[in-house]
Amino acid sequence: METSKKLKRVWVVLGGEQRYDEGGDVVGVFRKKKKAIKKALAQETYSAGGWTQIDDCYWTNGCDFIEILRYEVE
């Protein structure tokens, strides 16, 4: 008999250009959201002014973005 496994949450940091047009690259995978945010905001920006927060887990700088996505894994 198979037992059900409790799913664990991970936070994936993505960075790239124009969220829906160009896609992004995985910057890192973290077990804690706070660490994911720290890594996301530490990414270099190409335009002056740093990251501008758009929502809870999405920031932009010019045409660049950094995003944190939550996934459930076994």
PDB file of N, CA and C in Angstrom:
ATOM      1  N   MET A   1       0.829  -1.166   0.000  1.00  0.00           N
ATOM      2  CA  MET A   1       0.000   0.000   0.000  1.00  0.00           C
ATOM      3  C   MET A   1       0.885   1.246   0.000  1.00  0.00           C
ATOM      4  N   GLU A   2       0.568   2.160  -0.876  1.00  0.00           N
ATOM      5  CA  GLU A   2       1.347   3.389  -0.996  1.00  0.00           C
ATOM      6  C   GLU A   2       0.868   4.413   0.025  1.00  0.00           C
ATOM      7  N   THR A   3       1.804   5.045   0.703  1.00  0.00           N
ATOM      8  CA  THR A   3       1.422   6.086   1.655  1.00  0.00           C
ATOM      9  C   THR A   3       1.532   7.443   0.977  1.00  0.00           C
ATOM     10  N   SER A   4       0.669   8.348   1.374  1.00  0.00           N
ATOM     11  CA  SER A   4       0.737   9.681   0.771  1.00  0.00           C
ATOM     12  C   SER A   4       1.875  10.460   1.403  1.00  0.00           C
ATOM     13  N   LYS A   5       2.603  11.146   0.565  1.00  0.00           N
ATOM     14  CA  LYS A   5       3.714  11.958   1.041  1.00  0.00           C
ATOM     15  C   LYS A   5       3.249  13.393   1.168  1.00  0.00           C
ATOM     16  N   LYS A   6       3.730  14.040   2.183  1.00  0.00           N
ATOM     17  CA  LYS A   6       3.409  15.449   2.351  1.00  0.00           C
ATOM     18  C   LYS A   6       4.248  16.253   1.366  1.00  0.00           C
ATOM     19  N   LEU A   7       3.586  17.111   0.619  1.00  0.00           N
ATOM     20  CA  LEU A   7       4.299  17.946  -0.331  1.00  0.00           C
ATOM     21  C   LEU A   7       5.037  19.052   0.406  1.00  0.00           C
ATOM     22  N   LYS A   8       6.204  19.389  -0.106  1.00  0.00           N
ATOM     23  CA  LYS A   8       7.000  20.470   0.465  1.00  0.00           C
ATOM     24  C   LYS A   8       6.982  21.641  -0.501  1.00  0.00           C
ATOM     25  N   ARG A   9       7.083  22.801   0.038  1.00  0.00           N
ATOM     26  CA  ARG A   9       7.058  24.017  -0.755  1.00  0.00           C
ATOM     27  C   ARG A   9       8.476  24.492  -1.038  1.00  0.00           C
ATOM     28  N   VAL A  10       8.723  24.904  -2.268  1.00  0.00           N
ATOM     29  CA  VAL A  10       9.970  25.560  -2.623  1.00  0.00           C
ATOM     30  C   VAL A  10       9.636  26.860  -3.339  1.00  0.00           C
ATOM     31  N   TRP A  11      10.562  27.782  -3.299  1.00  0.00           N
ATOM     32  CA  TRP A  11      10.415  29.088  -3.933  1.00  0.00           C
ATOM     33  C   TRP A  11      11.480  29.193  -5.016  1.00  0.00           C
ATOM     34  N   VAL A  12      11.053  29.436  -6.242  1.00  0.00           N
ATOM     35  CA  VAL A  12      11.958  29.506  -7.388  1.00  0.00           C
ATOM     36  C   VAL A  12      12.091  30.972  -7.804  1.00  0.00           C
ATOM     37  N   VAL A  13      13.337  31.442  -7.885  1.00  0.00           N
ATOM     38  CA  VAL A  13      13.604  32.805  -8.322  1.00  0.00           C
ATOM     39  C   VAL A  13      13.923  32.766  -9.807  1.00  0.00           C
ATOM     40  N   LEU A  14      13.175  33.538 -10.588  1.00  0.00           N
ATOM     41  CA  LEU A  14      13.388  33.652 -12.033  1.00  0.00           C
ATOM     42  C   LEU A  14      13.775  35.081 -12.361  1.00  0.00           C
ATOM     43  N   GLY A  15      14.645  35.240 -13.343  1.00  0.00           N
ATOM     44  CA  GLY A  15      15.008  36.571 -13.798  1.00  0.00           C
ATOM     45  C   GLY A  15      15.139  36.573 -15.303  1.00  0.00           C
ATOM     46  N   GLY A  16      14.813  37.680 -15.924  1.00  0.00           N
ATOM     47  CA  GLY A  16      14.938  37.761 -17.372  1.00  0.00           C
ATOM     48  C   GLY A  16      14.403  39.054 -17.926  1.00  0.00           C
ATOM     49  N   GLU A  17      14.041  39.006 -19.186  1.00  0.00           N
ATOM     50  CA  GLU A  17      13.510  40.168 -19.885  1.00  0.00           C
ATOM     51  C   GLU A  17      12.052  39.948 -20.230  1.00  0.00           C
ATOM     52  N   GLN A  18      11.269  41.000 -20.104  1.00  0.00           N
ATOM     53  CA  GLN A  18       9.868  41.014 -20.513  1.00  0.00           C
ATOM     54  C   GLN A  18       9.149  39.718 -20.214  1.00  0.00           C
ATOM     55  N   ARG A  19       8.690  39.608 -19.041  1.00  0.00           N
ATOM     56  CA  ARG A  19       8.057  38.432 -18.440  1.00  0.00           C
ATOM     57  C   ARG A  19       7.420  37.450 -19.434  1.00  0.00           C
ATOM     58  N   TYR A  20       6.569  37.898 -20.354  1.00  0.00           N
ATOM     59  CA  TYR A  20       5.853  36.962 -21.216  1.00  0.00           C
ATOM     60  C   TYR A  20       6.471  36.803 -22.605  1.00  0.00           C
ATOM     61  N   ASP A  21       7.329  37.719 -23.009  1.00  0.00           N
ATOM     62  CA  ASP A  21       7.890  37.655 -24.355  1.00  0.00           C
ATOM     63  C   ASP A  21       9.196  36.867 -24.437  1.00  0.00           C
ATOM     64  N   GLU A  22      10.081  37.100 -23.519  1.00  0.00           N
ATOM     65  CA  GLU A  22      11.421  36.516 -23.591  1.00  0.00           C
ATOM     66  C   GLU A  22      11.646  35.360 -22.628  1.00  0.00           C
ATOM     67  N   GLY A  23      10.839  35.246 -21.614  1.00  0.00           N
ATOM     68  CA  GLY A  23      11.044  34.193 -20.625  1.00  0.00           C
ATOM     69  C   GLY A  23      12.100  34.584 -19.617  1.00  0.00           C
ATOM     70  N   GLY A  24      12.494  33.644 -18.794  1.00  0.00           N
ATOM     71  CA  GLY A  24      13.481  33.924 -17.764  1.00  0.00           C
ATOM     72  C   GLY A  24      14.329  32.715 -17.466  1.00  0.00           C
ATOM     73  N   ASP A  25      15.343  32.931 -16.669  1.00  0.00           N
ATOM     74  CA  ASP A  25      16.255  31.871 -16.235  1.00  0.00           C
ATOM     75  C   ASP A  25      16.092  31.664 -14.743  1.00  0.00           C
ATOM     76  N   VAL A  26      16.271  30.439 -14.303  1.00  0.00           N
ATOM     77  CA  VAL A  26      16.221  30.138 -12.872  1.00  0.00           C
ATOM     78  C   VAL A  26      17.484  30.692 -12.222  1.00  0.00           C
ATOM     79  N   VAL A  27      17.291  31.534 -11.230  1.00  0.00           N
ATOM     80  CA  VAL A  27      18.392  32.127 -10.477  1.00  0.00           C
ATOM     81  C   VAL A  27      18.717  31.259  -9.266  1.00  0.00           C
ATOM     82  N   GLY A  28      17.685  30.639  -8.683  1.00  0.00           N
ATOM     83  CA  GLY A  28      17.890  29.788  -7.525  1.00  0.00           C
ATOM     84  C   GLY A  28      16.588  29.170  -7.048  1.00  0.00           C
ATOM     85  N   VAL A  29      16.713  28.130  -6.224  1.00  0.00           N
ATOM     86  CA  VAL A  29      15.567  27.443  -5.629  1.00  0.00           C
ATOM     87  C   VAL A  29      15.815  27.400  -4.124  1.00  0.00           C
ATOM     88  N   PHE A  30      14.788  27.793  -3.361  1.00  0.00           N
ATOM     89  CA  PHE A  30      14.952  27.957  -1.923  1.00  0.00           C
ATOM     90  C   PHE A  30      13.796  27.327  -1.163  1.00  0.00           C
ATOM     91  N   ARG A  31      14.076  26.899   0.063  1.00  0.00           N
ATOM     92  CA  ARG A  31      13.021  26.346   0.915  1.00  0.00           C
ATOM     93  C   ARG A  31      12.274  27.445   1.656  1.00  0.00           C
ATOM     94  N   LYS A  32      12.902  28.594   1.824  1.00  0.00           N
ATOM     95  CA  LYS A  32      12.271  29.683   2.564  1.00  0.00           C
ATOM     96  C   LYS A  32      12.078  30.894   1.663  1.00  0.00           C
ATOM     97  N   LYS A  33      10.891  31.479   1.758  1.00  0.00           N
ATOM     98  CA  LYS A  33      10.555  32.632   0.920  1.00  0.00           C
ATOM     99  C   LYS A  33      11.487  33.816   1.198  1.00  0.00           C
ATOM    100  N   LYS A  34      11.841  34.041   2.461  1.00  0.00           N
ATOM    101  CA  LYS A  34      12.717  35.171   2.807  1.00  0.00           C
ATOM    102  C   LYS A  34      14.067  35.077   2.099  1.00  0.00           C
ATOM    103  N   LYS A  35      14.613  33.866   2.021  1.00  0.00           N
ATOM    104  CA  LYS A  35      15.898  33.685   1.333  1.00  0.00           C
ATOM    105  C   LYS A  35      15.749  33.909  -0.168  1.00  0.00           C
ATOM    106  N   ALA A  36      14.608  33.486  -0.721  1.00  0.00           N
ATOM    107  CA  ALA A  36      14.347  33.699  -2.142  1.00  0.00           C
ATOM    108  C   ALA A  36      14.260  35.196  -2.443  1.00  0.00           C
ATOM    109  N   ILE A  37      13.590  35.937  -1.589  1.00  0.00           N
ATOM    110  CA  ILE A  37      13.469  37.382  -1.787  1.00  0.00           C
ATOM    111  C   ILE A  37      14.841  38.051  -1.704  1.00  0.00           C
ATOM    112  N   LYS A  38      15.632  37.641  -0.730  1.00  0.00           N
ATOM    113  CA  LYS A  38      16.969  38.210  -0.571  1.00  0.00           C
ATOM    114  C   LYS A  38      17.806  37.976  -1.832  1.00  0.00           C
ATOM    115  N   LYS A  39      17.761  36.765  -2.368  1.00  0.00           N
ATOM    116  CA  LYS A  39      18.510  36.436  -3.585  1.00  0.00           C
ATOM    117  C   LYS A  39      17.971  37.227  -4.775  1.00  0.00           C
ATOM    118  N   ALA A  40      16.646  37.329  -4.882  1.00  0.00           N
ATOM    119  CA  ALA A  40      16.033  38.052  -5.999  1.00  0.00           C
ATOM    120  C   ALA A  40      16.481  39.506  -6.014  1.00  0.00           C
ATOM    121  N   LEU A  41      16.396  40.158  -4.882  1.00  0.00           N
ATOM    122  CA  LEU A  41      16.725  41.578  -4.821  1.00  0.00           C
ATOM    123  C   LEU A  41      18.223  41.854  -4.902  1.00  0.00           C
ATOM    124  N   ALA A  42      19.045  40.813  -4.739  1.00  0.00           N
ATOM    125  CA  ALA A  42      20.491  40.963  -4.879  1.00  0.00           C
ATOM    126  C   ALA A  42      20.945  40.894  -6.342  1.00  0.00           C
ATOM    127  N   GLN A  43      20.027  40.561  -7.249  1.00  0.00           N
ATOM    128  CA  GLN A  43      20.385  40.472  -8.668  1.00  0.00           C
ATOM    129  C   GLN A  43      20.701  41.862  -9.212  1.00  0.00           C
ATOM    130  N   GLU A  44      21.722  41.918 -10.032  1.00  0.00           N
ATOM    131  CA  GLU A  44      22.153  43.174 -10.628  1.00  0.00           C
ATOM    132  C   GLU A  44      21.064  43.736 -11.544  1.00  0.00           C
ATOM    133  N   THR A  45      20.893  45.056 -11.510  1.00  0.00           N
ATOM    134  CA  THR A  45      19.987  45.725 -12.443  1.00  0.00           C
ATOM    135  C   THR A  45      20.821  46.429 -13.503  1.00  0.00           C
ATOM    136  N   TYR A  46      20.285  46.523 -14.691  1.00  0.00           N
ATOM    137  CA  TYR A  46      21.018  47.141 -15.785  1.00  0.00           C
ATOM    138  C   TYR A  46      20.685  48.619 -15.932  1.00  0.00           C
ATOM    139  N   SER A  47      19.567  49.053 -15.381  1.00  0.00           N
ATOM    140  CA  SER A  47      19.199  50.465 -15.390  1.00  0.00           C
ATOM    141  C   SER A  47      19.315  51.007 -13.977  1.00  0.00           C
ATOM    142  N   ALA A  48      19.558  52.296 -13.870  1.00  0.00           N
ATOM    143  CA  ALA A  48      19.683  52.922 -12.554  1.00  0.00           C
ATOM    144  C   ALA A  48      18.355  52.845 -11.799  1.00  0.00           C
ATOM    145  N   GLY A  49      18.439  52.897 -10.488  1.00  0.00           N
ATOM    146  CA  GLY A  49      17.236  52.968  -9.674  1.00  0.00           C
ATOM    147  C   GLY A  49      16.867  51.692  -8.943  1.00  0.00           C
ATOM    148  N   GLY A  50      17.494  50.577  -9.273  1.00  0.00           N
ATOM    149  CA  GLY A  50      17.188  49.328  -8.577  1.00  0.00           C
ATOM    150  C   GLY A  50      15.857  48.734  -8.992  1.00  0.00           C
ATOM    151  N   TRP A  51      15.424  47.741  -8.261  1.00  0.00           N
ATOM    152  CA  TRP A  51      14.182  47.031  -8.563  1.00  0.00           C
ATOM    153  C   TRP A  51      12.973  47.810  -8.057  1.00  0.00           C
ATOM    154  N   THR A  52      11.904  47.806  -8.850  1.00  0.00           N
ATOM    155  CA  THR A  52      10.631  48.395  -8.459  1.00  0.00           C
ATOM    156  C   THR A  52       9.645  47.265  -8.206  1.00  0.00           C
ATOM    157  N   GLN A  53       9.107  47.193  -7.002  1.00  0.00           N
ATOM    158  CA  GLN A  53       8.174  46.114  -6.669  1.00  0.00           C
ATOM    159  C   GLN A  53       6.819  46.381  -7.307  1.00  0.00           C
ATOM    160  N   ILE A  54       6.325  45.381  -8.056  1.00  0.00           N
ATOM    161  CA  ILE A  54       5.032  45.470  -8.730  1.00  0.00           C
ATOM    162  C   ILE A  54       3.954  44.761  -7.912  1.00  0.00           C
ATOM    163  N   ASP A  55       4.284  43.587  -7.380  1.00  0.00           N
ATOM    164  CA  ASP A  55       3.396  42.887  -6.449  1.00  0.00           C
ATOM    165  C   ASP A  55       4.246  42.115  -5.458  1.00  0.00           C
ATOM    166  N   ASP A  56       3.630  41.250  -4.690  1.00  0.00           N
ATOM    167  CA  ASP A  56       4.316  40.557  -3.596  1.00  0.00           C
ATOM    168  C   ASP A  56       5.605  39.860  -4.024  1.00  0.00           C
ATOM    169  N   CYS A  57       5.620  39.258  -5.207  1.00  0.00           N
ATOM    170  CA  CYS A  57       6.779  38.462  -5.621  1.00  0.00           C
ATOM    171  C   CYS A  57       7.227  38.796  -7.045  1.00  0.00           C
ATOM    172  N   TYR A  58       7.099  40.053  -7.454  1.00  0.00           N
ATOM    173  CA  TYR A  58       7.473  40.445  -8.811  1.00  0.00           C
ATOM    174  C   TYR A  58       8.035  41.865  -8.813  1.00  0.00           C
ATOM    175  N   TRP A  59       9.241  42.021  -9.393  1.00  0.00           N
ATOM    176  CA  TRP A  59       9.906  43.306  -9.459  1.00  0.00           C
ATOM    177  C   TRP A  59      10.367  43.555 -10.893  1.00  0.00           C
ATOM    178  N   THR A  60      10.454  44.820 -11.273  1.00  0.00           N
ATOM    179  CA  THR A  60      10.945  45.174 -12.604  1.00  0.00           C
ATOM    180  C   THR A  60      12.023  46.247 -12.502  1.00  0.00           C
ATOM    181  N   ASN A  61      12.786  46.350 -13.585  1.00  0.00           N
ATOM    182  CA  ASN A  61      13.776  47.403 -13.761  1.00  0.00           C
ATOM    183  C   ASN A  61      13.932  47.561 -15.266  1.00  0.00           C
ATOM    184  N   GLY A  62      13.329  48.608 -15.817  1.00  0.00           N
ATOM    185  CA  GLY A  62      13.314  48.756 -17.276  1.00  0.00           C
ATOM    186  C   GLY A  62      12.545  47.592 -17.872  1.00  0.00           C
ATOM    187  N   CYS A  63      13.166  46.872 -18.816  1.00  0.00           N
ATOM    188  CA  CYS A  63      12.490  45.717 -19.420  1.00  0.00           C
ATOM    189  C   CYS A  63      12.850  44.405 -18.718  1.00  0.00           C
ATOM    190  N   ASP A  64      13.644  44.484 -17.644  1.00  0.00           N
ATOM    191  CA  ASP A  64      14.040  43.286 -16.903  1.00  0.00           C
ATOM    192  C   ASP A  64      13.060  43.017 -15.762  1.00  0.00           C
ATOM    193  N   PHE A  65      12.973  41.749 -15.384  1.00  0.00           N
ATOM    194  CA  PHE A  65      12.120  41.384 -14.256  1.00  0.00           C
ATOM    195  C   PHE A  65      12.828  40.361 -13.386  1.00  0.00           C
ATOM    196  N   ILE A  66      12.368  40.283 -12.164  1.00  0.00           N
ATOM    197  CA  ILE A  66      12.762  39.229 -11.235  1.00  0.00           C
ATOM    198  C   ILE A  66      11.459  38.794 -10.562  1.00  0.00           C
ATOM    199  N   GLU A  67      11.280  37.482 -10.444  1.00  0.00           N
ATOM    200  CA  GLU A  67      10.010  36.951  -9.950  1.00  0.00           C
ATOM    201  C   GLU A  67      10.269  35.754  -9.062  1.00  0.00           C
ATOM    202  N   ILE A  68       9.409  35.567  -8.081  1.00  0.00           N
ATOM    203  CA  ILE A  68       9.494  34.401  -7.204  1.00  0.00           C
ATOM    204  C   ILE A  68       8.205  33.605  -7.374  1.00  0.00           C
ATOM    205  N   LEU A  69       8.355  32.325  -7.697  1.00  0.00           N
ATOM    206  CA  LEU A  69       7.217  31.430  -7.874  1.00  0.00           C
ATOM    207  C   LEU A  69       7.255  30.333  -6.822  1.00  0.00           C
ATOM    208  N   ARG A  70       6.091  29.949  -6.329  1.00  0.00           N
ATOM    209  CA  ARG A  70       5.995  28.883  -5.331  1.00  0.00           C
ATOM    210  C   ARG A  70       5.585  27.582  -6.016  1.00  0.00           C
ATOM    211  N   TYR A  71       6.281  26.502  -5.658  1.00  0.00           N
ATOM    212  CA  TYR A  71       5.962  25.182  -6.176  1.00  0.00           C
ATOM    213  C   TYR A  71       5.869  24.195  -5.030  1.00  0.00           C
ATOM    214  N   GLU A  72       4.994  23.213  -5.180  1.00  0.00           N
ATOM    215  CA  GLU A  72       4.884  22.107  -4.229  1.00  0.00           C
ATOM    216  C   GLU A  72       5.604  20.905  -4.825  1.00  0.00           C
ATOM    217  N   VAL A  73       6.487  20.287  -4.063  1.00  0.00           N
ATOM    218  CA  VAL A  73       7.257  19.135  -4.533  1.00  0.00           C
ATOM    219  C   VAL A  73       7.204  18.012  -3.507  1.00  0.00           C
ATOM    220  N   GLU A  74       7.478  16.800  -3.962  1.00  0.00           N
ATOM    221  CA  GLU A  74       7.519  15.653  -3.045  1.00  0.00           C
ATOM    222  C   GLU A  74       8.870  15.550  -2.407  1.00  0.00           C
TER     223      GLU A  74
END
